[in-house]
Amino acid sequence: MGMACLPCAVHLALLPRRRTWVQTAAVSVAMLVGHPLLSAAGPGHHGTAHSGGLVAGVGVAMVAVPALALVLALSGLALEDRRSASAT
């Protein structure tokens, strides 16, 4: 699942464009929807194979990290819109 972040990260690092911000936001929303569904699927699935106290931490991270990425993507999109509006 972490591989889904790499294309956006490379594009955001090299040349951030509106399309990249939108793609980052879309992937973040998909992860926010998908992670709870996968966690509810039961043991042995994505994020639930951990034992001990890690389960709660992994569960929180599976929501917090995509939520943070979504906030950053929306912020970047807003800044990109502001920059392109001032350039015209």
Protein backbone atom coordinates (compact mmCIF):
# COMPACT_ATOMS: atom_id res chain seq x y z
CA MET A 1 0.00 0.00 0.00
CA GLY A 2 2.89 2.34 0.64
CA MET A 3 3.84 2.02 -3.01
CA ALA A 4 0.71 4.03 -3.90
CA CYS A 5 2.37 7.09 -2.29
CA LEU A 6 5.58 6.97 -4.31
CA PRO A 7 4.34 8.40 -7.65
CA CYS A 8 2.74 11.38 -5.91
CA ALA A 9 5.76 11.95 -3.68
CA VAL A 10 8.14 12.02 -6.66
CA HIS A 11 5.95 14.42 -8.63
CA LEU A 12 5.38 16.66 -5.61
CA ALA A 13 9.11 16.79 -4.90
CA LEU A 14 10.20 17.49 -8.48
CA LEU A 15 7.45 19.59 -10.06
CA PRO A 16 4.21 20.00 -8.15
CA ARG A 17 1.25 20.68 -10.42
CA ARG A 18 -2.51 20.87 -9.92
CA ARG A 19 -2.97 17.35 -11.31
CA THR A 20 -0.51 15.92 -8.78
CA TRP A 21 -2.26 17.65 -5.86
CA VAL A 22 -5.62 16.29 -7.03
CA GLN A 23 -4.17 12.79 -7.45
CA THR A 24 -2.65 12.95 -3.96
CA ALA A 25 -5.99 14.01 -2.48
CA ALA A 26 -7.81 11.20 -4.34
CA VAL A 27 -5.38 8.53 -3.12
CA SER A 28 -5.67 9.87 0.45
CA VAL A 29 -9.46 9.69 0.33
CA ALA A 30 -9.26 6.14 -1.07
CA MET A 31 -6.97 5.12 1.80
CA LEU A 32 -9.22 6.78 4.38
CA VAL A 33 -12.15 4.75 3.03
CA GLY A 34 -10.21 1.53 2.47
CA HIS A 35 -8.20 1.20 5.65
CA PRO A 36 -11.14 0.86 8.06
CA LEU A 37 -12.76 -1.65 5.71
CA LEU A 38 -9.60 -3.73 5.57
CA SER A 39 -9.13 -3.55 9.35
CA ALA A 40 -12.69 -4.78 9.88
CA ALA A 41 -12.08 -7.74 7.56
CA GLY A 42 -10.45 -9.68 10.39
CA PRO A 43 -7.08 -11.13 11.36
CA GLY A 44 -4.48 -11.77 8.75
CA HIS A 45 -5.46 -8.85 6.57
CA HIS A 46 -3.81 -5.50 5.99
CA GLY A 47 -2.89 -3.85 9.29
CA THR A 48 -4.32 -6.50 11.60
CA ALA A 49 -1.53 -9.07 11.52
CA HIS A 50 0.33 -7.28 14.30
CA SER A 51 0.17 -8.48 17.85
CA GLY A 52 0.28 -6.82 21.23
CA GLY A 53 0.06 -3.07 21.64
CA LEU A 54 0.95 -2.36 18.05
CA VAL A 55 -2.58 -3.01 16.83
CA ALA A 56 -3.97 0.24 18.26
CA GLY A 57 -1.01 2.25 16.98
CA VAL A 58 -1.27 0.78 13.51
CA GLY A 59 -5.02 1.43 13.46
CA VAL A 60 -4.53 5.08 14.40
CA ALA A 61 -1.72 5.49 11.87
CA MET A 62 -3.85 3.96 9.12
CA VAL A 63 -6.28 6.86 9.56
CA ALA A 64 -3.98 9.66 10.71
CA VAL A 65 -1.40 9.40 7.92
CA PRO A 66 -3.88 9.52 5.01
CA ALA A 67 -5.82 12.29 6.79
CA LEU A 68 -2.62 14.32 7.11
CA ALA A 69 -1.81 13.65 3.44
CA LEU A 70 -5.30 14.82 2.49
CA VAL A 71 -4.89 18.06 4.46
CA LEU A 72 -1.50 18.68 2.84
CA ALA A 73 -2.85 17.90 -0.64
CA LEU A 74 -5.79 20.28 -0.21
CA SER A 75 -3.44 22.97 1.13
CA GLY A 76 -1.11 22.50 -1.81
CA LEU A 77 -4.04 22.64 -4.21
CA ALA A 78 -5.25 25.90 -2.66
CA LEU A 79 -1.75 27.41 -2.89
CA GLU A 80 -1.42 26.25 -6.50
CA ASP A 81 -4.76 27.89 -7.37
CA ARG A 82 -3.71 31.10 -5.63
CA ARG A 83 -0.35 31.11 -7.43
CA SER A 84 -1.88 30.53 -10.86
CA ALA A 85 -4.55 33.21 -10.22
CA SER A 86 -1.91 35.79 -9.32
CA ALA A 87 0.20 34.88 -12.38
CA THR A 88 -2.61 35.68 -14.78
